[in-house]
């Protein structure tokens, strides 16, 4: 038992998952993000910038809510697949 290593992620499967983003963000991701965004009202300190990792998977509607809340604050979008980044730019009418 002591000589066993933890399981790793299959690199081929991980690459396939990364390339195959859904056309729309999954409902559950959007719901969780919406609820988290609602709780931001309790935080009084405003950020100087914010980042959104993988918005295509994690929530385009949530991104719009965050952009509305932090309209004057720069946003950095992290979407490593160029086709997905273009899809996000087309779907969300927010500057970045």
C-alpha atoms as a PDB file:
ATOM      1  CA  UNK A   1       0.000   0.000   0.000  1.00  0.00           C
ATOM      2  CA  UNK A   2       2.733   2.496   0.852  1.00  0.00           C
ATOM      3  CA  UNK A   3       4.283   2.094  -2.613  1.00  0.00           C
ATOM      4  CA  UNK A   4       1.147   3.038  -4.529  1.00  0.00           C
ATOM      5  CA  UNK A   5       0.941   6.430  -6.184  1.00  0.00           C
ATOM      6  CA  UNK A   6      -2.303   8.360  -6.466  1.00  0.00           C
ATOM      7  CA  UNK A   7      -4.204   8.052  -9.732  1.00  0.00           C
ATOM      8  CA  UNK A   8      -3.542  10.675 -12.368  1.00  0.00           C
ATOM      9  CA  UNK A   9      -5.701  12.215 -15.033  1.00  0.00           C
ATOM     10  CA  UNK A  10      -5.430  10.653 -18.459  1.00  0.00           C
ATOM     11  CA  UNK A  11      -3.773  13.368 -20.573  1.00  0.00           C
ATOM     12  CA  UNK A  12      -5.652  12.350 -23.729  1.00  0.00           C
ATOM     13  CA  UNK A  13      -9.002  12.521 -21.927  1.00  0.00           C
ATOM     14  CA  UNK A  14      -8.097  15.864 -20.332  1.00  0.00           C
ATOM     15  CA  UNK A  15      -7.136  17.349 -23.715  1.00  0.00           C
ATOM     16  CA  UNK A  16     -10.364  16.076 -25.277  1.00  0.00           C
ATOM     17  CA  UNK A  17     -12.408  17.585 -22.412  1.00  0.00           C
ATOM     18  CA  UNK A  18     -10.638  20.933 -22.851  1.00  0.00           C
ATOM     19  CA  UNK A  19     -11.330  21.048 -26.592  1.00  0.00           C
ATOM     20  CA  UNK A  20     -14.996  20.011 -26.329  1.00  0.00           C
ATOM     21  CA  UNK A  21     -16.621  22.913 -24.508  1.00  0.00           C
ATOM     22  CA  UNK A  22     -20.412  23.068 -24.632  1.00  0.00           C
ATOM     23  CA  UNK A  23     -22.215  25.643 -26.776  1.00  0.00           C
ATOM     24  CA  UNK A  24     -23.943  26.970 -23.648  1.00  0.00           C
ATOM     25  CA  UNK A  25     -22.784  26.966 -20.061  1.00  0.00           C
ATOM     26  CA  UNK A  26     -24.310  24.087 -18.075  1.00  0.00           C
ATOM     27  CA  UNK A  27     -27.366  25.057 -16.044  1.00  0.00           C
ATOM     28  CA  UNK A  28     -25.881  24.001 -12.708  1.00  0.00           C
ATOM     29  CA  UNK A  29     -22.714  26.048 -13.298  1.00  0.00           C
ATOM     30  CA  UNK A  30     -24.827  29.103 -14.059  1.00  0.00           C
ATOM     31  CA  UNK A  31     -26.994  28.580 -10.962  1.00  0.00           C
ATOM     32  CA  UNK A  32     -24.024  28.205  -8.613  1.00  0.00           C
ATOM     33  CA  UNK A  33     -22.306  31.249 -10.139  1.00  0.00           C
ATOM     34  CA  UNK A  34     -25.493  33.333  -9.865  1.00  0.00           C
ATOM     35  CA  UNK A  35     -25.843  32.470  -6.176  1.00  0.00           C
ATOM     36  CA  UNK A  36     -22.200  33.285  -5.527  1.00  0.00           C
ATOM     37  CA  UNK A  37     -22.576  36.621  -7.338  1.00  0.00           C
ATOM     38  CA  UNK A  38     -25.530  37.507  -5.104  1.00  0.00           C
ATOM     39  CA  UNK A  39     -23.328  37.099  -2.036  1.00  0.00           C
ATOM     40  CA  UNK A  40     -20.833  39.645  -3.310  1.00  0.00           C
ATOM     41  CA  UNK A  41     -23.066  42.413  -1.953  1.00  0.00           C
ATOM     42  CA  UNK A  42     -21.717  41.595   1.504  1.00  0.00           C
ATOM     43  CA  UNK A  43     -18.134  42.303   0.462  1.00  0.00           C
ATOM     44  CA  UNK A  44     -17.470  46.011   0.805  1.00  0.00           C
ATOM     45  CA  UNK A  45     -13.911  46.130  -0.524  1.00  0.00           C
ATOM     46  CA  UNK A  46     -13.982  46.459  -4.323  1.00  0.00           C
ATOM     47  CA  UNK A  47     -11.289  44.644  -6.331  1.00  0.00           C
ATOM     48  CA  UNK A  48      -8.877  46.526  -8.583  1.00  0.00           C
ATOM     49  CA  UNK A  49      -9.340  43.820 -11.255  1.00  0.00           C
ATOM     50  CA  UNK A  50     -11.025  40.458 -11.605  1.00  0.00           C
ATOM     51  CA  UNK A  51     -10.488  37.313 -13.646  1.00  0.00           C
ATOM     52  CA  UNK A  52     -12.871  34.738 -15.043  1.00  0.00           C
ATOM     53  CA  UNK A  53     -11.418  31.311 -15.743  1.00  0.00           C
ATOM     54  CA  UNK A  54     -13.141  29.258 -18.451  1.00  0.00           C
ATOM     55  CA  UNK A  55     -16.303  31.383 -18.730  1.00  0.00           C
ATOM     56  CA  UNK A  56     -17.679  29.189 -21.510  1.00  0.00           C
ATOM     57  CA  UNK A  57     -17.978  26.289 -19.065  1.00  0.00           C
ATOM     58  CA  UNK A  58     -18.454  28.185 -15.835  1.00  0.00           C
ATOM     59  CA  UNK A  59     -21.148  30.637 -16.816  1.00  0.00           C
ATOM     60  CA  UNK A  60     -21.640  33.264 -19.480  1.00  0.00           C
ATOM     61  CA  UNK A  61     -24.727  34.629 -17.741  1.00  0.00           C
ATOM     62  CA  UNK A  62     -22.762  34.868 -14.507  1.00  0.00           C
ATOM     63  CA  UNK A  63     -20.013  36.713 -16.361  1.00  0.00           C
ATOM     64  CA  UNK A  64     -22.555  39.293 -17.508  1.00  0.00           C
ATOM     65  CA  UNK A  65     -23.765  39.739 -13.911  1.00  0.00           C
ATOM     66  CA  UNK A  66     -20.210  40.203 -12.669  1.00  0.00           C
ATOM     67  CA  UNK A  67     -19.427  42.647 -15.439  1.00  0.00           C
ATOM     68  CA  UNK A  68     -22.506  44.662 -14.493  1.00  0.00           C
ATOM     69  CA  UNK A  69     -21.466  44.669 -10.818  1.00  0.00           C
ATOM     70  CA  UNK A  70     -17.858  45.608 -11.589  1.00  0.00           C
ATOM     71  CA  UNK A  71     -18.436  47.706 -14.735  1.00  0.00           C
ATOM     72  CA  UNK A  72     -15.557  50.086 -14.106  1.00  0.00           C
ATOM     73  CA  UNK A  73     -13.066  47.383 -13.086  1.00  0.00           C
ATOM     74  CA  UNK A  74     -10.841  45.561 -15.616  1.00  0.00           C
ATOM     75  CA  UNK A  75     -11.670  41.929 -16.292  1.00  0.00           C
ATOM     76  CA  UNK A  76      -9.203  39.284 -17.452  1.00  0.00           C
ATOM     77  CA  UNK A  77     -10.762  36.329 -19.242  1.00  0.00           C
ATOM     78  CA  UNK A  78      -8.802  33.071 -19.206  1.00  0.00           C
ATOM     79  CA  UNK A  79      -9.972  30.799 -22.006  1.00  0.00           C
ATOM     80  CA  UNK A  80      -6.927  28.920 -23.367  1.00  0.00           C
ATOM     81  CA  UNK A  81      -8.567  27.475 -26.493  1.00  0.00           C
ATOM     82  CA  UNK A  82      -8.699  30.259 -29.123  1.00  0.00           C
ATOM     83  CA  UNK A  83     -11.996  29.034 -30.605  1.00  0.00           C
ATOM     84  CA  UNK A  84     -13.574  29.097 -27.144  1.00  0.00           C
ATOM     85  CA  UNK A  85     -12.256  32.607 -26.497  1.00  0.00           C
ATOM     86  CA  UNK A  86     -13.863  33.800 -29.739  1.00  0.00           C
ATOM     87  CA  UNK A  87     -17.112  32.102 -28.732  1.00  0.00           C
ATOM     88  CA  UNK A  88     -17.056  33.889 -25.356  1.00  0.00           C
ATOM     89  CA  UNK A  89     -16.369  37.265 -27.000  1.00  0.00           C
ATOM     90  CA  UNK A  90     -19.301  36.682 -29.371  1.00  0.00           C
ATOM     91  CA  UNK A  91     -21.688  35.531 -26.623  1.00  0.00           C
ATOM     92  CA  UNK A  92     -20.978  38.191 -24.000  1.00  0.00           C
ATOM     93  CA  UNK A  93     -21.106  41.805 -25.009  1.00  0.00           C
ATOM     94  CA  UNK A  94     -18.508  43.037 -22.552  1.00  0.00           C
ATOM     95  CA  UNK A  95     -15.137  44.622 -23.266  1.00  0.00           C
ATOM     96  CA  UNK A  96     -11.963  42.957 -21.955  1.00  0.00           C
END
